[in-house]
PDB file of N, CA and C in Angstrom:
ATOM      1  N   MET A   1       6.930   7.037   4.414  1.00  0.00           N
ATOM      2  CA  MET A   1       5.699   7.397   5.084  1.00  0.00           C
ATOM      3  C   MET A   1       5.007   6.114   5.531  1.00  0.00           C
ATOM      4  N   LYS A   2       4.429   6.165   6.714  1.00  0.00           N
ATOM      5  CA  LYS A   2       3.659   5.039   7.239  1.00  0.00           C
ATOM      6  C   LYS A   2       2.263   5.525   7.606  1.00  0.00           C
ATOM      7  N   ILE A   3       1.279   4.660   7.361  1.00  0.00           N
ATOM      8  CA  ILE A   3      -0.086   4.963   7.776  1.00  0.00           C
ATOM      9  C   ILE A   3      -0.613   3.804   8.615  1.00  0.00           C
ATOM     10  N   PRO A   4      -1.482   4.101   9.575  1.00  0.00           N
ATOM     11  CA  PRO A   4      -2.108   3.028  10.352  1.00  0.00           C
ATOM     12  C   PRO A   4      -3.306   2.466   9.590  1.00  0.00           C
ATOM     13  N   VAL A   5      -3.468   1.155   9.662  1.00  0.00           N
ATOM     14  CA  VAL A   5      -4.618   0.488   9.035  1.00  0.00           C
ATOM     15  C   VAL A   5      -5.121  -0.569  10.005  1.00  0.00           C
ATOM     16  N   ARG A   6      -6.390  -0.499  10.344  1.00  0.00           N
ATOM     17  CA  ARG A   6      -7.005  -1.540  11.166  1.00  0.00           C
ATOM     18  C   ARG A   6      -7.619  -2.580  10.240  1.00  0.00           C
ATOM     19  N   VAL A   7      -7.486  -3.855  10.596  1.00  0.00           N
ATOM     20  CA  VAL A   7      -8.061  -4.942   9.802  1.00  0.00           C
ATOM     21  C   VAL A   7      -9.522  -5.113  10.198  1.00  0.00           C
ATOM     22  N   TYR A   8     -10.402  -4.934   9.222  1.00  0.00           N
ATOM     23  CA  TYR A   8     -11.837  -5.104   9.425  1.00  0.00           C
ATOM     24  C   TYR A   8     -12.297  -6.453   8.890  1.00  0.00           C
ATOM     25  N   TYR A   9     -13.483  -6.832   9.279  1.00  0.00           N
ATOM     26  CA  TYR A   9     -14.060  -8.112   8.862  1.00  0.00           C
ATOM     27  C   TYR A   9     -14.033  -8.260   7.337  1.00  0.00           C
ATOM     28  N   GLN A  10     -14.333  -7.174   6.620  1.00  0.00           N
ATOM     29  CA  GLN A  10     -14.370  -7.224   5.150  1.00  0.00           C
ATOM     30  C   GLN A  10     -13.015  -7.526   4.535  1.00  0.00           C
ATOM     31  N   ASP A  11     -11.922  -7.369   5.309  1.00  0.00           N
ATOM     32  CA  ASP A  11     -10.566  -7.621   4.813  1.00  0.00           C
ATOM     33  C   ASP A  11     -10.147  -9.077   4.956  1.00  0.00           C
ATOM     34  N   THR A  12     -10.980  -9.883   5.627  1.00  0.00           N
ATOM     35  CA  THR A  12     -10.548 -11.230   6.004  1.00  0.00           C
ATOM     36  C   THR A  12     -11.360 -12.335   5.333  1.00  0.00           C
ATOM     37  N   ASP A  13     -10.811 -13.523   5.429  1.00  0.00           N
ATOM     38  CA  ASP A  13     -11.541 -14.708   4.988  1.00  0.00           C
ATOM     39  C   ASP A  13     -12.375 -15.237   6.160  1.00  0.00           C
ATOM     40  N   ALA A  14     -12.994 -16.373   5.996  1.00  0.00           N
ATOM     41  CA  ALA A  14     -13.876 -16.926   7.037  1.00  0.00           C
ATOM     42  C   ALA A  14     -13.130 -17.255   8.329  1.00  0.00           C
ATOM     43  N   GLY A  15     -11.803 -17.436   8.234  1.00  0.00           N
ATOM     44  CA  GLY A  15     -11.008 -17.745   9.420  1.00  0.00           C
ATOM     45  C   GLY A  15     -10.457 -16.520  10.130  1.00  0.00           C
ATOM     46  N   GLY A  16     -10.794 -15.331   9.621  1.00  0.00           N
ATOM     47  CA  GLY A  16     -10.317 -14.107  10.249  1.00  0.00           C
ATOM     48  C   GLY A  16      -8.914 -13.693   9.839  1.00  0.00           C
ATOM     49  N   VAL A  17      -8.393 -14.305   8.764  1.00  0.00           N
ATOM     50  CA  VAL A  17      -7.056 -13.989   8.254  1.00  0.00           C
ATOM     51  C   VAL A  17      -7.212 -13.054   7.053  1.00  0.00           C
ATOM     52  N   VAL A  18      -6.349 -12.038   6.967  1.00  0.00           N
ATOM     53  CA  VAL A  18      -6.431 -11.088   5.859  1.00  0.00           C
ATOM     54  C   VAL A  18      -6.227 -11.813   4.531  1.00  0.00           C
ATOM     55  N   PHE A  19      -7.158 -11.576   3.610  1.00  0.00           N
ATOM     56  CA  PHE A  19      -7.102 -12.124   2.254  1.00  0.00           C
ATOM     57  C   PHE A  19      -5.866 -11.560   1.563  1.00  0.00           C
ATOM     58  N   HIS A  20      -5.115 -12.394   0.853  1.00  0.00           N
ATOM     59  CA  HIS A  20      -3.812 -11.996   0.313  1.00  0.00           C
ATOM     60  C   HIS A  20      -3.851 -10.736  -0.550  1.00  0.00           C
ATOM     61  N   ALA A  21      -4.883 -10.551  -1.358  1.00  0.00           N
ATOM     62  CA  ALA A  21      -4.958  -9.377  -2.234  1.00  0.00           C
ATOM     63  C   ALA A  21      -5.291  -8.094  -1.470  1.00  0.00           C
ATOM     64  N   GLN A  22      -5.822  -8.216  -0.270  1.00  0.00           N
ATOM     65  CA  GLN A  22      -6.183  -7.030   0.504  1.00  0.00           C
ATOM     66  C   GLN A  22      -4.947  -6.226   0.906  1.00  0.00           C
ATOM     67  N   TYR A  23      -3.815  -6.913   1.045  1.00  0.00           N
ATOM     68  CA  TYR A  23      -2.578  -6.191   1.366  1.00  0.00           C
ATOM     69  C   TYR A  23      -2.247  -5.180   0.268  1.00  0.00           C
ATOM     70  N   LEU A  24      -2.588  -5.508  -0.978  1.00  0.00           N
ATOM     71  CA  LEU A  24      -2.335  -4.588  -2.087  1.00  0.00           C
ATOM     72  C   LEU A  24      -3.188  -3.321  -1.946  1.00  0.00           C
ATOM     73  N   ALA A  25      -4.411  -3.482  -1.462  1.00  0.00           N
ATOM     74  CA  ALA A  25      -5.270  -2.315  -1.223  1.00  0.00           C
ATOM     75  C   ALA A  25      -4.688  -1.459  -0.094  1.00  0.00           C
ATOM     76  N   PHE A  26      -4.177  -2.097   0.957  1.00  0.00           N
ATOM     77  CA  PHE A  26      -3.543  -1.351   2.042  1.00  0.00           C
ATOM     78  C   PHE A  26      -2.353  -0.557   1.502  1.00  0.00           C
ATOM     79  N   MET A  27      -1.567  -1.193   0.641  1.00  0.00           N
ATOM     80  CA  MET A  27      -0.386  -0.546   0.074  1.00  0.00           C
ATOM     81  C   MET A  27      -0.768   0.597  -0.864  1.00  0.00           C
ATOM     82  N   GLU A  28      -1.866   0.436  -1.585  1.00  0.00           N
ATOM     83  CA  GLU A  28      -2.349   1.512  -2.456  1.00  0.00           C
ATOM     84  C   GLU A  28      -2.672   2.753  -1.634  1.00  0.00           C
ATOM     85  N   ARG A  29      -3.284   2.564  -0.481  1.00  0.00           N
ATOM     86  CA  ARG A  29      -3.588   3.692   0.399  1.00  0.00           C
ATOM     87  C   ARG A  29      -2.311   4.405   0.829  1.00  0.00           C
ATOM     88  N   ALA A  30      -1.299   3.622   1.200  1.00  0.00           N
ATOM     89  CA  ALA A  30      -0.035   4.217   1.649  1.00  0.00           C
ATOM     90  C   ALA A  30       0.644   4.976   0.506  1.00  0.00           C
ATOM     91  N   ARG A  31       0.623   4.419  -0.703  1.00  0.00           N
ATOM     92  CA  ARG A  31       1.205   5.122  -1.860  1.00  0.00           C
ATOM     93  C   ARG A  31       0.473   6.427  -2.124  1.00  0.00           C
ATOM     94  N   SER A  32      -0.842   6.383  -2.066  1.00  0.00           N
ATOM     95  CA  SER A  32      -1.638   7.593  -2.296  1.00  0.00           C
ATOM     96  C   SER A  32      -1.327   8.656  -1.254  1.00  0.00           C
ATOM     97  N   GLU A  33      -1.208   8.260   0.002  1.00  0.00           N
ATOM     98  CA  GLU A  33      -0.885   9.211   1.064  1.00  0.00           C
ATOM     99  C   GLU A  33       0.514   9.786   0.887  1.00  0.00           C
ATOM    100  N   LEU A  34       1.450   8.973   0.444  1.00  0.00           N
ATOM    101  CA  LEU A  34       2.807   9.453   0.184  1.00  0.00           C
ATOM    102  C   LEU A  34       2.796  10.512  -0.915  1.00  0.00           C
ATOM    103  N   LEU A  35       2.080  10.246  -2.003  1.00  0.00           N
ATOM    104  CA  LEU A  35       1.990  11.213  -3.102  1.00  0.00           C
ATOM    105  C   LEU A  35       1.274  12.485  -2.654  1.00  0.00           C
ATOM    106  N   ASN A  36       0.193  12.341  -1.892  1.00  0.00           N
ATOM    107  CA  ASN A  36      -0.512  13.522  -1.357  1.00  0.00           C
ATOM    108  C   ASN A  36       0.414  14.366  -0.486  1.00  0.00           C
ATOM    109  N   ALA A  37       1.194  13.717   0.367  1.00  0.00           N
ATOM    110  CA  ALA A  37       2.119  14.435   1.244  1.00  0.00           C
ATOM    111  C   ALA A  37       3.191  15.170   0.438  1.00  0.00           C
ATOM    112  N   ALA A  38       3.495  14.644  -0.759  1.00  0.00           N
ATOM    113  CA  ALA A  38       4.486  15.285  -1.640  1.00  0.00           C
ATOM    114  C   ALA A  38       3.846  16.357  -2.519  1.00  0.00           C
ATOM    115  N   GLY A  39       2.536  16.602  -2.321  1.00  0.00           N
ATOM    116  CA  GLY A  39       1.854  17.636  -3.091  1.00  0.00           C
ATOM    117  C   GLY A  39       1.347  17.180  -4.445  1.00  0.00           C
ATOM    118  N   ILE A  40       1.298  15.876  -4.644  1.00  0.00           N
ATOM    119  CA  ILE A  40       0.806  15.333  -5.921  1.00  0.00           C
ATOM    120  C   ILE A  40      -0.618  14.836  -5.726  1.00  0.00           C
ATOM    121  N   ASP A  41      -1.575  15.565  -6.258  1.00  0.00           N
ATOM    122  CA  ASP A  41      -2.988  15.187  -6.222  1.00  0.00           C
ATOM    123  C   ASP A  41      -3.264  14.398  -7.496  1.00  0.00           C
ATOM    124  N   LEU A  42      -3.446  13.095  -7.361  1.00  0.00           N
ATOM    125  CA  LEU A  42      -3.599  12.235  -8.540  1.00  0.00           C
ATOM    126  C   LEU A  42      -4.788  12.620  -9.414  1.00  0.00           C
ATOM    127  N   ALA A  43      -5.898  12.998  -8.811  1.00  0.00           N
ATOM    128  CA  ALA A  43      -7.074  13.376  -9.595  1.00  0.00           C
ATOM    129  C   ALA A  43      -6.777  14.609 -10.450  1.00  0.00           C
ATOM    130  N   ARG A  44      -6.160  15.609  -9.856  1.00  0.00           N
ATOM    131  CA  ARG A  44      -5.817  16.823 -10.617  1.00  0.00           C
ATOM    132  C   ARG A  44      -4.734  16.546 -11.649  1.00  0.00           C
ATOM    133  N   PHE A  45      -3.789  15.687 -11.307  1.00  0.00           N
ATOM    134  CA  PHE A  45      -2.719  15.339 -12.240  1.00  0.00           C
ATOM    135  C   PHE A  45      -3.302  14.721 -13.507  1.00  0.00           C
ATOM    136  N   VAL A  46      -4.230  13.796 -13.326  1.00  0.00           N
ATOM    137  CA  VAL A  46      -4.876  13.144 -14.467  1.00  0.00           C
ATOM    138  C   VAL A  46      -5.652  14.161 -15.294  1.00  0.00           C
ATOM    139  N   GLU A  47      -6.391  15.035 -14.612  1.00  0.00           N
ATOM    140  CA  GLU A  47      -7.151  16.081 -15.317  1.00  0.00           C
ATOM    141  C   GLU A  47      -6.245  16.987 -16.137  1.00  0.00           C
ATOM    142  N   ARG A  48      -5.192  17.459 -15.522  1.00  0.00           N
ATOM    143  CA  ARG A  48      -4.281  18.418 -16.172  1.00  0.00           C
ATOM    144  C   ARG A  48      -3.499  17.824 -17.319  1.00  0.00           C
ATOM    145  N   HIS A  49      -2.985  16.612 -17.103  1.00  0.00           N
ATOM    146  CA  HIS A  49      -2.040  16.046 -18.052  1.00  0.00           C
ATOM    147  C   HIS A  49      -2.629  14.942 -18.927  1.00  0.00           C
ATOM    148  N   GLY A  50      -3.823  14.488 -18.573  1.00  0.00           N
ATOM    149  CA  GLY A  50      -4.442  13.422 -19.359  1.00  0.00           C
ATOM    150  C   GLY A  50      -3.665  12.118 -19.321  1.00  0.00           C
ATOM    151  N   VAL A  51      -2.951  11.902 -18.231  1.00  0.00           N
ATOM    152  CA  VAL A  51      -2.116  10.716 -18.081  1.00  0.00           C
ATOM    153  C   VAL A  51      -2.600   9.923 -16.877  1.00  0.00           C
ATOM    154  N   LEU A  52      -2.736   8.624 -17.061  1.00  0.00           N
ATOM    155  CA  LEU A  52      -3.118   7.760 -15.950  1.00  0.00           C
ATOM    156  C   LEU A  52      -1.871   7.161 -15.312  1.00  0.00           C
ATOM    157  N   ILE A  53      -1.917   6.969 -14.015  1.00  0.00           N
ATOM    158  CA  ILE A  53      -0.825   6.295 -13.320  1.00  0.00           C
ATOM    159  C   ILE A  53      -1.268   4.871 -13.052  1.00  0.00           C
ATOM    160  N   LEU A  54      -0.512   3.919 -13.575  1.00  0.00           N
ATOM    161  CA  LEU A  54      -0.873   2.506 -13.500  1.00  0.00           C
ATOM    162  C   LEU A  54       0.207   1.709 -12.787  1.00  0.00           C
ATOM    163  N   VAL A  55      -0.202   0.647 -12.132  1.00  0.00           N
ATOM    164  CA  VAL A  55       0.752  -0.304 -11.563  1.00  0.00           C
ATOM    165  C   VAL A  55       1.175  -1.233 -12.695  1.00  0.00           C
ATOM    166  N   HIS A  56       2.477  -1.304 -12.905  1.00  0.00           N
ATOM    167  CA  HIS A  56       3.023  -2.114 -14.000  1.00  0.00           C
ATOM    168  C   HIS A  56       3.483  -3.488 -13.524  1.00  0.00           C
ATOM    169  N   GLN A  57       4.061  -3.538 -12.334  1.00  0.00           N
ATOM    170  CA  GLN A  57       4.606  -4.799 -11.836  1.00  0.00           C
ATOM    171  C   GLN A  57       4.525  -4.821 -10.320  1.00  0.00           C
ATOM    172  N   ILE A  58       4.248  -6.003  -9.767  1.00  0.00           N
ATOM    173  CA  ILE A  58       4.194  -6.185  -8.317  1.00  0.00           C
ATOM    174  C   ILE A  58       4.956  -7.454  -7.956  1.00  0.00           C
ATOM    175  N   LEU A  59       5.827  -7.343  -6.978  1.00  0.00           N
ATOM    176  CA  LEU A  59       6.509  -8.501  -6.404  1.00  0.00           C
ATOM    177  C   LEU A  59       6.191  -8.476  -4.919  1.00  0.00           C
ATOM    178  N   VAL A  60       5.532  -9.512  -4.431  1.00  0.00           N
ATOM    179  CA  VAL A  60       5.077  -9.541  -3.040  1.00  0.00           C
ATOM    180  C   VAL A  60       5.658 -10.753  -2.326  1.00  0.00           C
ATOM    181  N   LYS A  61       6.146 -10.528  -1.104  1.00  0.00           N
ATOM    182  CA  LYS A  61       6.569 -11.622  -0.229  1.00  0.00           C
ATOM    183  C   LYS A  61       5.688 -11.583   1.010  1.00  0.00           C
ATOM    184  N   TYR A  62       5.032 -12.705   1.285  1.00  0.00           N
ATOM    185  CA  TYR A  62       4.171 -12.828   2.464  1.00  0.00           C
ATOM    186  C   TYR A  62       4.946 -13.590   3.539  1.00  0.00           C
ATOM    187  N   HIS A  63       5.104 -12.963   4.704  1.00  0.00           N
ATOM    188  CA  HIS A  63       5.869 -13.591   5.783  1.00  0.00           C
ATOM    189  C   HIS A  63       4.964 -14.140   6.882  1.00  0.00           C
ATOM    190  N   LEU A  64       4.040 -13.315   7.357  1.00  0.00           N
ATOM    191  CA  LEU A  64       3.134 -13.696   8.435  1.00  0.00           C
ATOM    192  C   LEU A  64       1.751 -13.132   8.137  1.00  0.00           C
ATOM    193  N   PRO A  65       0.688 -13.796   8.609  1.00  0.00           N
ATOM    194  CA  PRO A  65      -0.657 -13.282   8.351  1.00  0.00           C
ATOM    195  C   PRO A  65      -1.084 -12.205   9.337  1.00  0.00           C
ATOM    196  N   ALA A  66      -1.873 -11.271   8.846  1.00  0.00           N
ATOM    197  CA  ALA A  66      -2.567 -10.326   9.720  1.00  0.00           C
ATOM    198  C   ALA A  66      -3.953 -10.903   9.973  1.00  0.00           C
ATOM    199  N   ARG A  67      -4.530 -10.518  11.097  1.00  0.00           N
ATOM    200  CA  ARG A  67      -5.820 -11.079  11.497  1.00  0.00           C
ATOM    201  C   ARG A  67      -6.808  -9.969  11.841  1.00  0.00           C
ATOM    202  N   LEU A  68      -8.049 -10.372  11.911  1.00  0.00           N
ATOM    203  CA  LEU A  68      -9.144  -9.473  12.238  1.00  0.00           C
ATOM    204  C   LEU A  68      -8.811  -8.613  13.453  1.00  0.00           C
ATOM    205  N   ASN A  69      -9.018  -7.312  13.306  1.00  0.00           N
ATOM    206  CA  ASN A  69      -8.836  -6.287  14.334  1.00  0.00           C
ATOM    207  C   ASN A  69      -7.379  -5.927  14.629  1.00  0.00           C
ATOM    208  N   ASP A  70      -6.418  -6.524  13.919  1.00  0.00           N
ATOM    209  CA  ASP A  70      -5.024  -6.109  14.089  1.00  0.00           C
ATOM    210  C   ASP A  70      -4.878  -4.651  13.669  1.00  0.00           C
ATOM    211  N   LEU A  71      -3.997  -3.933  14.343  1.00  0.00           N
ATOM    212  CA  LEU A  71      -3.631  -2.588  13.920  1.00  0.00           C
ATOM    213  C   LEU A  71      -2.280  -2.694  13.232  1.00  0.00           C
ATOM    214  N   LEU A  72      -2.274  -2.355  11.959  1.00  0.00           N
ATOM    215  CA  LEU A  72      -1.084  -2.503  11.127  1.00  0.00           C
ATOM    216  C   LEU A  72      -0.470  -1.142  10.827  1.00  0.00           C
ATOM    217  N   SER A  73       0.783  -1.178  10.434  1.00  0.00           N
ATOM    218  CA  SER A  73       1.478  -0.007   9.930  1.00  0.00           C
ATOM    219  C   SER A  73       1.870  -0.344   8.496  1.00  0.00           C
ATOM    220  N   VAL A  74       1.428   0.493   7.553  1.00  0.00           N
ATOM    221  CA  VAL A  74       1.686   0.228   6.135  1.00  0.00           C
ATOM    222  C   VAL A  74       2.575   1.350   5.614  1.00  0.00           C
ATOM    223  N   GLY A  75       3.742   0.975   5.104  1.00  0.00           N
ATOM    224  CA  GLY A  75       4.722   1.964   4.674  1.00  0.00           C
ATOM    225  C   GLY A  75       4.911   1.987   3.168  1.00  0.00           C
ATOM    226  N   ALA A  76       5.314   3.158   2.683  1.00  0.00           N
ATOM    227  CA  ALA A  76       5.623   3.344   1.270  1.00  0.00           C
ATOM    228  C   ALA A  76       6.770   4.330   1.146  1.00  0.00           C
ATOM    229  N   GLU A  77       7.712   4.028   0.284  1.00  0.00           N
ATOM    230  CA  GLU A  77       8.789   4.964  -0.020  1.00  0.00           C
ATOM    231  C   GLU A  77       9.157   4.827  -1.491  1.00  0.00           C
ATOM    232  N   VAL A  78       9.550   5.933  -2.091  1.00  0.00           N
ATOM    233  CA  VAL A  78      10.019   5.917  -3.476  1.00  0.00           C
ATOM    234  C   VAL A  78      11.496   5.556  -3.438  1.00  0.00           C
ATOM    235  N   VAL A  79      11.860   4.511  -4.177  1.00  0.00           N
ATOM    236  CA  VAL A  79      13.269   4.108  -4.218  1.00  0.00           C
ATOM    237  C   VAL A  79      13.915   4.455  -5.554  1.00  0.00           C
ATOM    238  N   LYS A  80      13.102   4.779  -6.562  1.00  0.00           N
ATOM    239  CA  LYS A  80      13.656   5.156  -7.865  1.00  0.00           C
ATOM    240  C   LYS A  80      12.622   5.976  -8.613  1.00  0.00           C
ATOM    241  N   MET A  81      13.091   7.044  -9.238  1.00  0.00           N
ATOM    242  CA  MET A  81      12.221   7.860 -10.080  1.00  0.00           C
ATOM    243  C   MET A  81      12.818   7.902 -11.481  1.00  0.00           C
ATOM    244  N   GLY A  82      11.988   7.544 -12.443  1.00  0.00           N
ATOM    245  CA  GLY A  82      12.407   7.640 -13.838  1.00  0.00           C
ATOM    246  C   GLY A  82      11.702   8.804 -14.498  1.00  0.00           C
ATOM    247  N   ARG A  83      11.903   8.944 -15.801  1.00  0.00           N
ATOM    248  CA  ARG A  83      11.258  10.021 -16.541  1.00  0.00           C
ATOM    249  C   ARG A  83       9.746   9.873 -16.525  1.00  0.00           C
ATOM    250  N   ALA A  84       9.284   8.639 -16.559  1.00  0.00           N
ATOM    251  CA  ALA A  84       7.842   8.390 -16.596  1.00  0.00           C
ATOM    252  C   ALA A  84       7.447   7.269 -15.642  1.00  0.00           C
ATOM    253  N   SER A  85       8.232   7.085 -14.579  1.00  0.00           N
ATOM    254  CA  SER A  85       7.918   5.977 -13.677  1.00  0.00           C
ATOM    255  C   SER A  85       8.435   6.243 -12.261  1.00  0.00           C
ATOM    256  N   PHE A  86       7.828   5.538 -11.335  1.00  0.00           N
ATOM    257  CA  PHE A  86       8.267   5.493  -9.942  1.00  0.00           C
ATOM    258  C   PHE A  86       8.439   4.031  -9.575  1.00  0.00           C
ATOM    259  N   VAL A  87       9.394   3.731  -8.723  1.00  0.00           N
ATOM    260  CA  VAL A  87       9.499   2.420  -8.104  1.00  0.00           C
ATOM    261  C   VAL A  87       9.339   2.646  -6.612  1.00  0.00           C
ATOM    262  N   PHE A  88       8.379   1.927  -6.025  1.00  0.00           N
ATOM    263  CA  PHE A  88       8.100   2.042  -4.601  1.00  0.00           C
ATOM    264  C   PHE A  88       8.575   0.785  -3.878  1.00  0.00           C
ATOM    265  N   ARG A  89       8.989   0.953  -2.640  1.00  0.00           N
ATOM    266  CA  ARG A  89       9.210  -0.168  -1.730  1.00  0.00           C
ATOM    267  C   ARG A  89       8.147  -0.020  -0.656  1.00  0.00           C
ATOM    268  N   GLN A  90       7.448  -1.103  -0.388  1.00  0.00           N
ATOM    269  CA  GLN A  90       6.362  -1.044   0.588  1.00  0.00           C
ATOM    270  C   GLN A  90       6.410  -2.227   1.528  1.00  0.00           C
ATOM    271  N   HIS A  91       5.811  -2.040   2.698  1.00  0.00           N
ATOM    272  CA  HIS A  91       5.767  -3.108   3.691  1.00  0.00           C
ATOM    273  C   HIS A  91       4.541  -2.940   4.583  1.00  0.00           C
ATOM    274  N   VAL A  92       4.157  -4.053   5.180  1.00  0.00           N
ATOM    275  CA  VAL A  92       3.069  -4.064   6.162  1.00  0.00           C
ATOM    276  C   VAL A  92       3.638  -4.713   7.426  1.00  0.00           C
ATOM    277  N   GLU A  93       3.492  -4.007   8.532  1.00  0.00           N
ATOM    278  CA  GLU A  93       4.000  -4.509   9.809  1.00  0.00           C
ATOM    279  C   GLU A  93       2.894  -4.527  10.862  1.00  0.00           C
ATOM    280  N   ARG A  94       3.052  -5.412  11.810  1.00  0.00           N
ATOM    281  CA  ARG A  94       2.221  -5.422  13.025  1.00  0.00           C
ATOM    282  C   ARG A  94       3.210  -5.290  14.169  1.00  0.00           C
ATOM    283  N   GLY A  95       3.267  -4.092  14.753  1.00  0.00           N
ATOM    284  CA  GLY A  95       4.300  -3.843  15.753  1.00  0.00           C
ATOM    285  C   GLY A  95       5.657  -3.933  15.084  1.00  0.00           C
ATOM    286  N   THR A  96       6.509  -4.824  15.582  1.00  0.00           N
ATOM    287  CA  THR A  96       7.847  -5.008  15.013  1.00  0.00           C
ATOM    288  C   THR A  96       7.917  -6.162  14.026  1.00  0.00           C
ATOM    289  N   GLU A  97       6.789  -6.851  13.808  1.00  0.00           N
ATOM    290  CA  GLU A  97       6.774  -8.009  12.899  1.00  0.00           C
ATOM    291  C   GLU A  97       6.528  -7.575  11.454  1.00  0.00           C
ATOM    292  N   LEU A  98       7.408  -7.982  10.552  1.00  0.00           N
ATOM    293  CA  LEU A  98       7.208  -7.746   9.126  1.00  0.00           C
ATOM    294  C   LEU A  98       6.254  -8.818   8.606  1.00  0.00           C
ATOM    295  N   LEU A  99       5.113  -8.394   8.094  1.00  0.00           N
ATOM    296  CA  LEU A  99       4.124  -9.332   7.576  1.00  0.00           C
ATOM    297  C   LEU A  99       4.233  -9.513   6.065  1.00  0.00           C
ATOM    298  N   VAL A 100       4.327  -8.399   5.360  1.00  0.00           N
ATOM    299  CA  VAL A 100       4.330  -8.428   3.896  1.00  0.00           C
ATOM    300  C   VAL A 100       5.280  -7.354   3.393  1.00  0.00           C
ATOM    301  N   GLU A 101       5.992  -7.649   2.309  1.00  0.00           N
ATOM    302  CA  GLU A 101       6.850  -6.646   1.662  1.00  0.00           C
ATOM    303  C   GLU A 101       6.784  -6.838   0.157  1.00  0.00           C
TER     304      GLU A 101
END
């Protein structure tokens, strides 16, 4: 699944470049949308089962910077499902350019 994300001023540093941790927020949105599309409502899941879903590990590669007002495509896919875990592969692109994975 891919979602569009526009880079706003609040996402950038003083030079208009996206702050490195902001990509993680973009990816969180894409993961949430992927789960919603699969019929998994995280708020209801937590209520029903009393279980929180946490990020355990992150490996990020930064290739190119995104800048103020760029329109990005942020993707998320499940590459592995365990008994109590998911492994996601995610990326941020601007057009055909891979920015972050």
